Amino acid sequence: MDYFNAFWVGGLICALVQILMEKTKMMPGRIMVLLVCLGAVISSVGWYQPFVEFAGAGASVPLLGFGNVLMKGVKEAVEQQGFMGLFSGGFQAGAVGCAAALIFGYLASLVFNPKMKK
């Protein structure tokens, strides 16, 4: 059942984003920022963790999940460092994911020899 919930929740998120891209004039970058901010807001009110427990990877892998990771990092850093944690917590929490994306993206570019569109 866990796989089923992850599949339909992740698919629903992707379908809603696709509808947003098709029916509005929003650029993809703005939609991505909207998703990260929405994930952070949902996390800050305490609704994201029950959502992750229900949907698993379907909730934690999309950009909403990145907003949740950033907000969790900020909360923990504020508890430990006070006000300065606002500025460092998100970076510390999201550093591993960002580094992995850069490293694996670079490795993929070496294997597949990408070319610019003309």
PDB file of N, CA and C in Angstrom:
ATOM      1  N   MET A   1       0.820  -1.200   0.000  1.00  0.00           N
ATOM      2  CA  MET A   1       0.000   0.000   0.000  1.00  0.00           C
ATOM      3  C   MET A   1       0.864   1.265   0.000  1.00  0.00           C
ATOM      4  N   ASP A   2       2.071   1.163   0.600  1.00  0.00           N
ATOM      5  CA  ASP A   2       2.952   2.327   0.629  1.00  0.00           C
ATOM      6  C   ASP A   2       3.341   2.770  -0.778  1.00  0.00           C
ATOM      7  N   TYR A   3       3.651   1.800  -1.640  1.00  0.00           N
ATOM      8  CA  TYR A   3       4.023   2.132  -3.012  1.00  0.00           C
ATOM      9  C   TYR A   3       2.859   2.773  -3.761  1.00  0.00           C
ATOM     10  N   PHE A   4       1.670   2.267  -3.526  1.00  0.00           N
ATOM     11  CA  PHE A   4       0.486   2.805  -4.191  1.00  0.00           C
ATOM     12  C   PHE A   4       0.248   4.257  -3.776  1.00  0.00           C
ATOM     13  N   ASN A   5       0.326   4.538  -2.469  1.00  0.00           N
ATOM     14  CA  ASN A   5       0.125   5.911  -1.990  1.00  0.00           C
ATOM     15  C   ASN A   5       1.200   6.851  -2.523  1.00  0.00           C
ATOM     16  N   ALA A   6       2.440   6.387  -2.539  1.00  0.00           N
ATOM     17  CA  ALA A   6       3.519   7.224  -3.077  1.00  0.00           C
ATOM     18  C   ALA A   6       3.277   7.517  -4.555  1.00  0.00           C
ATOM     19  N   PHE A   7       2.830   6.502  -5.293  1.00  0.00           N
ATOM     20  CA  PHE A   7       2.608   6.666  -6.724  1.00  0.00           C
ATOM     21  C   PHE A   7       1.490   7.668  -7.010  1.00  0.00           C
ATOM     22  N   TRP A   8       0.331   7.495  -6.363  1.00  0.00           N
ATOM     23  CA  TRP A   8      -0.783   8.376  -6.725  1.00  0.00           C
ATOM     24  C   TRP A   8      -0.601   9.784  -6.178  1.00  0.00           C
ATOM     25  N   VAL A   9       0.020   9.943  -5.003  1.00  0.00           N
ATOM     26  CA  VAL A   9       0.237  11.293  -4.472  1.00  0.00           C
ATOM     27  C   VAL A   9       1.280  12.024  -5.314  1.00  0.00           C
ATOM     28  N   GLY A  10       2.399  11.371  -5.613  1.00  0.00           N
ATOM     29  CA  GLY A  10       3.410  11.996  -6.465  1.00  0.00           C
ATOM     30  C   GLY A  10       2.868  12.310  -7.844  1.00  0.00           C
ATOM     31  N   GLY A  11       2.080  11.399  -8.391  1.00  0.00           N
ATOM     32  CA  GLY A  11       1.462  11.640  -9.700  1.00  0.00           C
ATOM     33  C   GLY A  11       0.478  12.790  -9.677  1.00  0.00           C
ATOM     34  N   LEU A  12      -0.286  12.895  -8.590  1.00  0.00           N
ATOM     35  CA  LEU A  12      -1.242  13.997  -8.460  1.00  0.00           C
ATOM     36  C   LEU A  12      -0.520  15.336  -8.374  1.00  0.00           C
ATOM     37  N   ILE A  13       0.568  15.370  -7.610  1.00  0.00           N
ATOM     38  CA  ILE A  13       1.353  16.610  -7.517  1.00  0.00           C
ATOM     39  C   ILE A  13       1.878  16.994  -8.899  1.00  0.00           C
ATOM     40  N   CYS A  14       2.434  16.036  -9.611  1.00  0.00           N
ATOM     41  CA  CYS A  14       2.961  16.311 -10.947  1.00  0.00           C
ATOM     42  C   CYS A  14       1.867  16.737 -11.921  1.00  0.00           C
ATOM     43  N   ALA A  15       0.706  16.103 -11.836  1.00  0.00           N
ATOM     44  CA  ALA A  15      -0.410  16.465 -12.719  1.00  0.00           C
ATOM     45  C   ALA A  15      -0.895  17.885 -12.425  1.00  0.00           C
ATOM     46  N   LEU A  16      -0.989  18.244 -11.146  1.00  0.00           N
ATOM     47  CA  LEU A  16      -1.424  19.601 -10.799  1.00  0.00           C
ATOM     48  C   LEU A  16      -0.422  20.649 -11.271  1.00  0.00           C
ATOM     49  N   VAL A  17       0.845  20.338 -11.159  1.00  0.00           N
ATOM     50  CA  VAL A  17       1.868  21.261 -11.655  1.00  0.00           C
ATOM     51  C   VAL A  17       1.796  21.375 -13.171  1.00  0.00           C
ATOM     52  N   GLN A  18       1.565  20.264 -13.850  1.00  0.00           N
ATOM     53  CA  GLN A  18       1.441  20.303 -15.313  1.00  0.00           C
ATOM     54  C   GLN A  18       0.240  21.154 -15.727  1.00  0.00           C
ATOM     55  N   ILE A  19      -0.873  21.015 -15.022  1.00  0.00           N
ATOM     56  CA  ILE A  19      -2.046  21.850 -15.311  1.00  0.00           C
ATOM     57  C   ILE A  19      -1.720  23.318 -15.085  1.00  0.00           C
ATOM     58  N   LEU A  20      -1.001  23.617 -13.998  1.00  0.00           N
ATOM     59  CA  LEU A  20      -0.591  24.987 -13.714  1.00  0.00           C
ATOM     60  C   LEU A  20       0.289  25.540 -14.835  1.00  0.00           C
ATOM     61  N   MET A  21       1.187  24.711 -15.356  1.00  0.00           N
ATOM     62  CA  MET A  21       2.053  25.151 -16.450  1.00  0.00           C
ATOM     63  C   MET A  21       1.266  25.386 -17.738  1.00  0.00           C
ATOM     64  N   GLU A  22       0.279  24.538 -17.996  1.00  0.00           N
ATOM     65  CA  GLU A  22      -0.488  24.634 -19.236  1.00  0.00           C
ATOM     66  C   GLU A  22      -1.508  25.783 -19.212  1.00  0.00           C
ATOM     67  N   LYS A  23      -2.141  26.011 -18.082  1.00  0.00           N
ATOM     68  CA  LYS A  23      -3.268  26.940 -18.012  1.00  0.00           C
ATOM     69  C   LYS A  23      -2.897  28.348 -17.562  1.00  0.00           C
ATOM     70  N   THR A  24      -1.671  28.565 -17.117  1.00  0.00           N
ATOM     71  CA  THR A  24      -1.245  29.905 -16.722  1.00  0.00           C
ATOM     72  C   THR A  24      -0.061  30.323 -17.577  1.00  0.00           C
ATOM     73  N   LYS A  25       0.320  31.574 -17.447  1.00  0.00           N
ATOM     74  CA  LYS A  25       1.481  32.069 -18.174  1.00  0.00           C
ATOM     75  C   LYS A  25       2.724  32.100 -17.287  1.00  0.00           C
ATOM     76  N   MET A  26       2.661  31.352 -16.164  1.00  0.00           N
ATOM     77  CA  MET A  26       3.804  31.312 -15.258  1.00  0.00           C
ATOM     78  C   MET A  26       4.959  30.544 -15.898  1.00  0.00           C
ATOM     79  N   MET A  27       6.150  31.071 -15.710  1.00  0.00           N
ATOM     80  CA  MET A  27       7.353  30.408 -16.213  1.00  0.00           C
ATOM     81  C   MET A  27       7.698  29.246 -15.280  1.00  0.00           C
ATOM     82  N   PRO A  28       8.360  28.214 -15.807  1.00  0.00           N
ATOM     83  CA  PRO A  28       8.687  27.050 -14.972  1.00  0.00           C
ATOM     84  C   PRO A  28       9.506  27.389 -13.725  1.00  0.00           C
ATOM     85  N   GLY A  29      10.411  28.347 -13.823  1.00  0.00           N
ATOM     86  CA  GLY A  29      11.202  28.741 -12.656  1.00  0.00           C
ATOM     87  C   GLY A  29      10.337  29.290 -11.532  1.00  0.00           C
ATOM     88  N   ARG A  30       9.338  30.064 -11.881  1.00  0.00           N
ATOM     89  CA  ARG A  30       8.433  30.620 -10.862  1.00  0.00           C
ATOM     90  C   ARG A  30       7.575  29.535 -10.241  1.00  0.00           C
ATOM     91  N   ILE A  31       7.191  28.566 -11.045  1.00  0.00           N
ATOM     92  CA  ILE A  31       6.404  27.453 -10.510  1.00  0.00           C
ATOM     93  C   ILE A  31       7.256  26.640  -9.535  1.00  0.00           C
ATOM     94  N   MET A  32       8.526  26.455  -9.865  1.00  0.00           N
ATOM     95  CA  MET A  32       9.412  25.723  -8.963  1.00  0.00           C
ATOM     96  C   MET A  32       9.571  26.462  -7.641  1.00  0.00           C
ATOM     97  N   VAL A  33       9.757  27.770  -7.701  1.00  0.00           N
ATOM     98  CA  VAL A  33       9.873  28.566  -6.475  1.00  0.00           C
ATOM     99  C   VAL A  33       8.573  28.500  -5.688  1.00  0.00           C
ATOM    100  N   LEU A  34       7.437  28.552  -6.372  1.00  0.00           N
ATOM    101  CA  LEU A  34       6.142  28.439  -5.712  1.00  0.00           C
ATOM    102  C   LEU A  34       6.017  27.115  -4.960  1.00  0.00           C
ATOM    103  N   LEU A  35       6.456  26.025  -5.571  1.00  0.00           N
ATOM    104  CA  LEU A  35       6.373  24.713  -4.933  1.00  0.00           C
ATOM    105  C   LEU A  35       7.268  24.623  -3.704  1.00  0.00           C
ATOM    106  N   VAL A  36       8.484  25.135  -3.796  1.00  0.00           N
ATOM    107  CA  VAL A  36       9.387  25.102  -2.643  1.00  0.00           C
ATOM    108  C   VAL A  36       8.807  25.945  -1.503  1.00  0.00           C
ATOM    109  N   CYS A  37       8.302  27.135  -1.823  1.00  0.00           N
ATOM    110  CA  CYS A  37       7.708  27.995  -0.791  1.00  0.00           C
ATOM    111  C   CYS A  37       6.457  27.357  -0.197  1.00  0.00           C
ATOM    112  N   LEU A  38       5.645  26.726  -1.021  1.00  0.00           N
ATOM    113  CA  LEU A  38       4.450  26.042  -0.526  1.00  0.00           C
ATOM    114  C   LEU A  38       4.830  24.900   0.409  1.00  0.00           C
ATOM    115  N   GLY A  39       5.849  24.143   0.067  1.00  0.00           N
ATOM    116  CA  GLY A  39       6.324  23.077   0.947  1.00  0.00           C
ATOM    117  C   GLY A  39       6.818  23.618   2.273  1.00  0.00           C
ATOM    118  N   ALA A  40       7.510  24.765   2.244  1.00  0.00           N
ATOM    119  CA  ALA A  40       7.995  25.376   3.478  1.00  0.00           C
ATOM    120  C   ALA A  40       6.840  25.865   4.343  1.00  0.00           C
ATOM    121  N   VAL A  41       5.832  26.448   3.722  1.00  0.00           N
ATOM    122  CA  VAL A  41       4.676  26.937   4.475  1.00  0.00           C
ATOM    123  C   VAL A  41       3.902  25.772   5.093  1.00  0.00           C
ATOM    124  N   ILE A  42       3.664  24.724   4.312  1.00  0.00           N
ATOM    125  CA  ILE A  42       2.949  23.559   4.834  1.00  0.00           C
ATOM    126  C   ILE A  42       3.736  22.930   5.986  1.00  0.00           C
ATOM    127  N   SER A  43       5.051  22.911   5.862  1.00  0.00           N
ATOM    128  CA  SER A  43       5.897  22.374   6.928  1.00  0.00           C
ATOM    129  C   SER A  43       5.846  23.235   8.175  1.00  0.00           C
ATOM    130  N   SER A  44       5.823  24.547   7.990  1.00  0.00           N
ATOM    131  CA  SER A  44       5.834  25.451   9.148  1.00  0.00           C
ATOM    132  C   SER A  44       4.563  25.357   9.976  1.00  0.00           C
ATOM    133  N   VAL A  45       3.449  24.989   9.365  1.00  0.00           N
ATOM    134  CA  VAL A  45       2.213  24.837  10.143  1.00  0.00           C
ATOM    135  C   VAL A  45       2.040  23.412  10.678  1.00  0.00           C
ATOM    136  N   GLY A  46       3.004  22.522  10.345  1.00  0.00           N
ATOM    137  CA  GLY A  46       3.000  21.187  10.906  1.00  0.00           C
ATOM    138  C   GLY A  46       2.194  20.153  10.146  1.00  0.00           C
ATOM    139  N   TRP A  47       1.815  20.432   8.916  1.00  0.00           N
ATOM    140  CA  TRP A  47       1.000  19.503   8.140  1.00  0.00           C
ATOM    141  C   TRP A  47       1.840  18.589   7.251  1.00  0.00           C
ATOM    142  N   TYR A  48       3.110  18.927   7.028  1.00  0.00           N
ATOM    143  CA  TYR A  48       3.876  18.165   6.045  1.00  0.00           C
ATOM    144  C   TYR A  48       4.310  16.801   6.562  1.00  0.00           C
ATOM    145  N   GLN A  49       4.664  16.695   7.831  1.00  0.00           N
ATOM    146  CA  GLN A  49       5.127  15.412   8.349  1.00  0.00           C
ATOM    147  C   GLN A  49       4.038  14.340   8.290  1.00  0.00           C
ATOM    148  N   PRO A  50       2.786  14.634   8.683  1.00  0.00           N
ATOM    149  CA  PRO A  50       1.747  13.606   8.488  1.00  0.00           C
ATOM    150  C   PRO A  50       1.535  13.257   7.014  1.00  0.00           C
ATOM    151  N   PHE A  51       1.700  14.242   6.141  1.00  0.00           N
ATOM    152  CA  PHE A  51       1.588  14.014   4.701  1.00  0.00           C
ATOM    153  C   PHE A  51       2.676  13.049   4.226  1.00  0.00           C
ATOM    154  N   VAL A  52       3.918  13.224   4.708  1.00  0.00           N
ATOM    155  CA  VAL A  52       5.027  12.342   4.346  1.00  0.00           C
ATOM    156  C   VAL A  52       4.804  10.940   4.909  1.00  0.00           C
ATOM    157  N   GLU A  53       4.289  10.851   6.113  1.00  0.00           N
ATOM    158  CA  GLU A  53       4.022   9.538   6.703  1.00  0.00           C
ATOM    159  C   GLU A  53       2.982   8.768   5.901  1.00  0.00           C
ATOM    160  N   PHE A  54       2.023   9.483   5.310  1.00  0.00           N
ATOM    161  CA  PHE A  54       1.001   8.841   4.485  1.00  0.00           C
ATOM    162  C   PHE A  54       1.525   8.483   3.100  1.00  0.00           C
ATOM    163  N   ALA A  55       2.185   9.446   2.445  1.00  0.00           N
ATOM    164  CA  ALA A  55       2.540   9.285   1.037  1.00  0.00           C
ATOM    165  C   ALA A  55       3.981   8.861   0.806  1.00  0.00           C
ATOM    166  N   GLY A  56       4.823   8.898   1.793  1.00  0.00           N
ATOM    167  CA  GLY A  56       6.218   8.479   1.634  1.00  0.00           C
ATOM    168  C   GLY A  56       6.952   9.297   0.590  1.00  0.00           C
ATOM    169  N   ALA A  57       7.604   8.616  -0.345  1.00  0.00           N
ATOM    170  CA  ALA A  57       8.400   9.286  -1.371  1.00  0.00           C
ATOM    171  C   ALA A  57       7.546  10.139  -2.302  1.00  0.00           C
ATOM    172  N   GLY A  58       6.262   9.844  -2.408  1.00  0.00           N
ATOM    173  CA  GLY A  58       5.380  10.660  -3.232  1.00  0.00           C
ATOM    174  C   GLY A  58       5.254  12.079  -2.720  1.00  0.00           C
ATOM    175  N   ALA A  59       5.529  12.271  -1.426  1.00  0.00           N
ATOM    176  CA  ALA A  59       5.473  13.604  -0.832  1.00  0.00           C
ATOM    177  C   ALA A  59       6.857  14.181  -0.592  1.00  0.00           C
ATOM    178  N   SER A  60       7.845  13.334  -0.381  1.00  0.00           N
ATOM    179  CA  SER A  60       9.161  13.847  -0.004  1.00  0.00           C
ATOM    180  C   SER A  60      10.087  14.105  -1.185  1.00  0.00           C
ATOM    181  N   VAL A  61       9.827  13.505  -2.337  1.00  0.00           N
ATOM    182  CA  VAL A  61      10.721  13.676  -3.477  1.00  0.00           C
ATOM    183  C   VAL A  61      10.433  14.941  -4.283  1.00  0.00           C
ATOM    184  N   PRO A  62       9.178  15.334  -4.542  1.00  0.00           N
ATOM    185  CA  PRO A  62       8.955  16.542  -5.349  1.00  0.00           C
ATOM    186  C   PRO A  62       9.488  17.807  -4.668  1.00  0.00           C
ATOM    187  N   LEU A  63       9.412  18.918  -5.361  1.00  0.00           N
ATOM    188  CA  LEU A  63       9.927  20.180  -4.833  1.00  0.00           C
ATOM    189  C   LEU A  63       9.248  20.611  -3.547  1.00  0.00           C
ATOM    190  N   LEU A  64       8.038  20.158  -3.307  1.00  0.00           N
ATOM    191  CA  LEU A  64       7.403  20.432  -2.017  1.00  0.00           C
ATOM    192  C   LEU A  64       8.255  19.862  -0.887  1.00  0.00           C
ATOM    193  N   GLY A  65       8.830  18.701  -1.113  1.00  0.00           N
ATOM    194  CA  GLY A  65       9.678  18.062  -0.121  1.00  0.00           C
ATOM    195  C   GLY A  65      10.952  18.850   0.146  1.00  0.00           C
ATOM    196  N   PHE A  66      11.491  19.518  -0.874  1.00  0.00           N
ATOM    197  CA  PHE A  66      12.679  20.344  -0.674  1.00  0.00           C
ATOM    198  C   PHE A  66      12.351  21.530   0.222  1.00  0.00           C
ATOM    199  N   GLY A  67      11.187  22.121   0.035  1.00  0.00           N
ATOM    200  CA  GLY A  67      10.753  23.202   0.930  1.00  0.00           C
ATOM    201  C   GLY A  67      10.619  22.713   2.357  1.00  0.00           C
ATOM    202  N   ASN A  68      10.119  21.496   2.525  1.00  0.00           N
ATOM    203  CA  ASN A  68       9.997  20.900   3.850  1.00  0.00           C
ATOM    204  C   ASN A  68      11.371  20.706   4.479  1.00  0.00           C
ATOM    205  N   VAL A  69      12.337  20.211   3.707  1.00  0.00           N
ATOM    206  CA  VAL A  69      13.691  20.010   4.227  1.00  0.00           C
ATOM    207  C   VAL A  69      14.298  21.336   4.666  1.00  0.00           C
ATOM    208  N   LEU A  70      14.126  22.362   3.849  1.00  0.00           N
ATOM    209  CA  LEU A  70      14.659  23.676   4.210  1.00  0.00           C
ATOM    210  C   LEU A  70      14.041  24.193   5.505  1.00  0.00           C
ATOM    211  N   MET A  71      12.730  24.052   5.640  1.00  0.00           N
ATOM    212  CA  MET A  71      12.057  24.565   6.833  1.00  0.00           C
ATOM    213  C   MET A  71      12.457  23.777   8.077  1.00  0.00           C
ATOM    214  N   LYS A  72      12.598  22.461   7.939  1.00  0.00           N
ATOM    215  CA  LYS A  72      13.050  21.665   9.084  1.00  0.00           C
ATOM    216  C   LYS A  72      14.448  22.094   9.517  1.00  0.00           C
ATOM    217  N   GLY A  73      15.315  22.349   8.557  1.00  0.00           N
ATOM    218  CA  GLY A  73      16.664  22.812   8.876  1.00  0.00           C
ATOM    219  C   GLY A  73      16.660  24.158   9.569  1.00  0.00           C
ATOM    220  N   VAL A  74      15.803  25.052   9.119  1.00  0.00           N
ATOM    221  CA  VAL A  74      15.704  26.373   9.749  1.00  0.00           C
ATOM    222  C   VAL A  74      15.174  26.242  11.174  1.00  0.00           C
ATOM    223  N   LYS A  75      14.150  25.418  11.378  1.00  0.00           N
ATOM    224  CA  LYS A  75      13.611  25.233  12.727  1.00  0.00           C
ATOM    225  C   LYS A  75      14.671  24.704  13.685  1.00  0.00           C
ATOM    226  N   GLU A  76      15.406  23.678  13.258  1.00  0.00           N
ATOM    227  CA  GLU A  76      16.440  23.100  14.119  1.00  0.00           C
ATOM    228  C   GLU A  76      17.555  24.111  14.406  1.00  0.00           C
ATOM    229  N   ALA A  77      17.977  24.857  13.405  1.00  0.00           N
ATOM    230  CA  ALA A  77      19.055  25.819  13.596  1.00  0.00           C
ATOM    231  C   ALA A  77      18.619  26.972  14.496  1.00  0.00           C
ATOM    232  N   VAL A  78      17.379  27.393  14.394  1.00  0.00           N
ATOM    233  CA  VAL A  78      16.886  28.467  15.263  1.00  0.00           C
ATOM    234  C   VAL A  78      16.850  27.992  16.711  1.00  0.00           C
ATOM    235  N   GLU A  79      16.457  26.736  16.930  1.00  0.00           N
ATOM    236  CA  GLU A  79      16.456  26.196  18.290  1.00  0.00           C
ATOM    237  C   GLU A  79      17.870  26.139  18.873  1.00  0.00           C
ATOM    238  N   GLN A  80      18.865  25.834  18.033  1.00  0.00           N
ATOM    239  CA  GLN A  80      20.240  25.688  18.515  1.00  0.00           C
ATOM    240  C   GLN A  80      21.001  27.006  18.547  1.00  0.00           C
ATOM    241  N   GLN A  81      20.842  27.843  17.510  1.00  0.00           N
ATOM    242  CA  GLN A  81      21.668  29.033  17.356  1.00  0.00           C
ATOM    243  C   GLN A  81      20.921  30.339  17.585  1.00  0.00           C
ATOM    244  N   GLY A  82      19.631  30.275  17.714  1.00  0.00           N
ATOM    245  CA  GLY A  82      18.860  31.502  17.857  1.00  0.00           C
ATOM    246  C   GLY A  82      18.603  32.159  16.513  1.00  0.00           C
ATOM    247  N   PHE A  83      18.607  33.482  16.505  1.00  0.00           N
ATOM    248  CA  PHE A  83      18.263  34.254  15.322  1.00  0.00           C
ATOM    249  C   PHE A  83      19.149  33.930  14.115  1.00  0.00           C
ATOM    250  N   MET A  84      20.427  33.685  14.334  1.00  0.00           N
ATOM    251  CA  MET A  84      21.346  33.411  13.229  1.00  0.00           C
ATOM    252  C   MET A  84      21.012  32.094  12.520  1.00  0.00           C
ATOM    253  N   GLY A  85      20.269  31.218  13.183  1.00  0.00           N
ATOM    254  CA  GLY A  85      19.859  29.971  12.564  1.00  0.00           C
ATOM    255  C   GLY A  85      18.934  30.175  11.375  1.00  0.00           C
ATOM    256  N   LEU A  86      18.259  31.334  11.331  1.00  0.00           N
ATOM    257  CA  LEU A  86      17.410  31.649  10.178  1.00  0.00           C
ATOM    258  C   LEU A  86      18.214  31.666   8.883  1.00  0.00           C
ATOM    259  N   PHE A  87      19.444  32.080   8.986  1.00  0.00           N
ATOM    260  CA  PHE A  87      20.268  32.259   7.793  1.00  0.00           C
ATOM    261  C   PHE A  87      21.075  31.016   7.426  1.00  0.00           C
ATOM    262  N   SER A  88      21.366  30.153   8.394  1.00  0.00           N
ATOM    263  CA  SER A  88      22.231  29.012   8.112  1.00  0.00           C
ATOM    264  C   SER A  88      21.499  27.675   8.052  1.00  0.00           C
ATOM    265  N   GLY A  89      20.360  27.559   8.685  1.00  0.00           N
ATOM    266  CA  GLY A  89      19.676  26.273   8.801  1.00  0.00           C
ATOM    267  C   GLY A  89      19.265  25.665   7.479  1.00  0.00           C
ATOM    268  N   GLY A  90      18.703  26.457   6.584  1.00  0.00           N
ATOM    269  CA  GLY A  90      18.281  25.944   5.288  1.00  0.00           C
ATOM    270  C   GLY A  90      19.443  25.467   4.449  1.00  0.00           C
ATOM    271  N   PHE A  91      20.561  26.197   4.521  1.00  0.00           N
ATOM    272  CA  PHE A  91      21.743  25.795   3.755  1.00  0.00           C
ATOM    273  C   PHE A  91      22.312  24.476   4.262  1.00  0.00           C
ATOM    274  N   GLN A  92      22.369  24.324   5.574  1.00  0.00           N
ATOM    275  CA  GLN A  92      22.907  23.091   6.146  1.00  0.00           C
ATOM    276  C   GLN A  92      22.010  21.904   5.823  1.00  0.00           C
ATOM    277  N   ALA A  93      20.702  22.101   5.887  1.00  0.00           N
ATOM    278  CA  ALA A  93      19.775  20.993   5.646  1.00  0.00           C
ATOM    279  C   ALA A  93      19.732  20.582   4.174  1.00  0.00           C
ATOM    280  N   GLY A  94      19.852  21.538   3.287  1.00  0.00           N
ATOM    281  CA  GLY A  94      19.734  21.239   1.863  1.00  0.00           C
ATOM    282  C   GLY A  94      21.046  20.991   1.146  1.00  0.00           C
ATOM    283  N   ALA A  95      22.166  21.087   1.867  1.00  0.00           N
ATOM    284  CA  ALA A  95      23.481  20.996   1.221  1.00  0.00           C
ATOM    285  C   ALA A  95      23.730  19.631   0.581  1.00  0.00           C
ATOM    286  N   VAL A  96      23.372  18.559   1.254  1.00  0.00           N
ATOM    287  CA  VAL A  96      23.664  17.222   0.726  1.00  0.00           C
ATOM    288  C   VAL A  96      22.877  16.979  -0.561  1.00  0.00           C
ATOM    289  N   GLY A  97      21.596  17.345  -0.571  1.00  0.00           N
ATOM    290  CA  GLY A  97      20.782  17.149  -1.769  1.00  0.00           C
ATOM    291  C   GLY A  97      21.274  17.973  -2.942  1.00  0.00           C
ATOM    292  N   CYS A  98      21.647  19.210  -2.689  1.00  0.00           N
ATOM    293  CA  CYS A  98      22.157  20.067  -3.766  1.00  0.00           C
ATOM    294  C   CYS A  98      23.492  19.555  -4.291  1.00  0.00           C
ATOM    295  N   ALA A  99      24.372  19.143  -3.388  1.00  0.00           N
ATOM    296  CA  ALA A  99      25.668  18.619  -3.816  1.00  0.00           C
ATOM    297  C   ALA A  99      25.490  17.342  -4.632  1.00  0.00           C
ATOM    298  N   ALA A 100      24.595  16.476  -4.201  1.00  0.00           N
ATOM    299  CA  ALA A 100      24.356  15.233  -4.944  1.00  0.00           C
ATOM    300  C   ALA A 100      23.814  15.540  -6.334  1.00  0.00           C
ATOM    301  N   ALA A 101      22.897  16.499  -6.443  1.00  0.00           N
ATOM    302  CA  ALA A 101      22.349  16.863  -7.751  1.00  0.00           C
ATOM    303  C   ALA A 101      23.444  17.388  -8.673  1.00  0.00           C
ATOM    304  N   LEU A 102      24.335  18.209  -8.145  1.00  0.00           N
ATOM    305  CA  LEU A 102      25.422  18.739  -8.967  1.00  0.00           C
ATOM    306  C   LEU A 102      26.390  17.636  -9.403  1.00  0.00           C
ATOM    307  N   ILE A 103      26.775  16.778  -8.471  1.00  0.00           N
ATOM    308  CA  ILE A 103      27.736  15.723  -8.786  1.00  0.00           C
ATOM    309  C   ILE A 103      27.155  14.738  -9.793  1.00  0.00           C
ATOM    310  N   PHE A 104      25.932  14.257  -9.546  1.00  0.00           N
ATOM    311  CA  PHE A 104      25.345  13.287 -10.464  1.00  0.00           C
ATOM    312  C   PHE A 104      24.990  13.917 -11.804  1.00  0.00           C
ATOM    313  N   GLY A 105      24.615  15.192 -11.810  1.00  0.00           N
ATOM    314  CA  GLY A 105      24.378  15.881 -13.074  1.00  0.00           C
ATOM    315  C   GLY A 105      25.651  15.991 -13.894  1.00  0.00           C
ATOM    316  N   TYR A 106      26.763  16.288 -13.221  1.00  0.00           N
ATOM    317  CA  TYR A 106      28.050  16.363 -13.915  1.00  0.00           C
ATOM    318  C   TYR A 106      28.457  14.996 -14.455  1.00  0.00           C
ATOM    319  N   LEU A 107      28.312  13.959 -13.638  1.00  0.00           N
ATOM    320  CA  LEU A 107      28.650  12.616 -14.097  1.00  0.00           C
ATOM    321  C   LEU A 107      27.788  12.191 -15.284  1.00  0.00           C
ATOM    322  N   ALA A 108      26.509  12.537 -15.253  1.00  0.00           N
ATOM    323  CA  ALA A 108      25.627  12.212 -16.375  1.00  0.00           C
ATOM    324  C   ALA A 108      26.066  12.959 -17.637  1.00  0.00           C
ATOM    325  N   SER A 109      26.545  14.196 -17.472  1.00  0.00           N
ATOM    326  CA  SER A 109      26.996  14.951 -18.643  1.00  0.00           C
ATOM    327  C   SER A 109      28.253  14.334 -19.247  1.00  0.00           C
ATOM    328  N   LEU A 110      29.077  13.700 -18.430  1.00  0.00           N
ATOM    329  CA  LEU A 110      30.262  13.042 -18.951  1.00  0.00           C
ATOM    330  C   LEU A 110      29.885  11.766 -19.730  1.00  0.00           C
ATOM    331  N   VAL A 111      28.887  11.064 -19.248  1.00  0.00           N
ATOM    332  CA  VAL A 111      28.497   9.802 -19.874  1.00  0.00           C
ATOM    333  C   VAL A 111      27.708  10.032 -21.162  1.00  0.00           C
ATOM    334  N   PHE A 112      26.795  11.004 -21.162  1.00  0.00           N
ATOM    335  CA  PHE A 112      25.868  11.157 -22.278  1.00  0.00           C
ATOM    336  C   PHE A 112      26.212  12.273 -23.257  1.00  0.00           C
ATOM    337  N   ASN A 113      27.262  13.055 -23.037  1.00  0.00           N
ATOM    338  CA  ASN A 113      27.724  14.064 -23.978  1.00  0.00           C
ATOM    339  C   ASN A 113      26.587  14.994 -24.432  1.00  0.00           C
ATOM    340  N   PRO A 114      26.079  15.839 -23.554  1.00  0.00           N
ATOM    341  CA  PRO A 114      24.949  16.718 -23.917  1.00  0.00           C
ATOM    342  C   PRO A 114      25.364  17.794 -24.915  1.00  0.00           C
ATOM    343  N   LYS A 115      24.380  18.259 -25.668  1.00  0.00           N
ATOM    344  CA  LYS A 115      24.611  19.324 -26.652  1.00  0.00           C
ATOM    345  C   LYS A 115      23.569  20.407 -26.444  1.00  0.00           C
ATOM    346  N   MET A 116      23.926  21.634 -26.801  1.00  0.00           N
ATOM    347  CA  MET A 116      23.000  22.752 -26.707  1.00  0.00           C
ATOM    348  C   MET A 116      21.972  22.656 -27.825  1.00  0.00           C
ATOM    349  N   LYS A 117      20.734  23.108 -27.536  1.00  0.00           N
ATOM    350  CA  LYS A 117      19.714  23.159 -28.580  1.00  0.00           C
ATOM    351  C   LYS A 117      20.032  24.302 -29.525  1.00  0.00           C
ATOM    352  N   LYS A 118      19.672  24.112 -30.784  1.00  0.00           N
ATOM    353  CA  LYS A 118      19.926  25.155 -31.771  1.00  0.00           C
ATOM    354  C   LYS A 118      18.674  25.909 -32.103  1.00  0.00           C
TER     355      LYS A 118
END
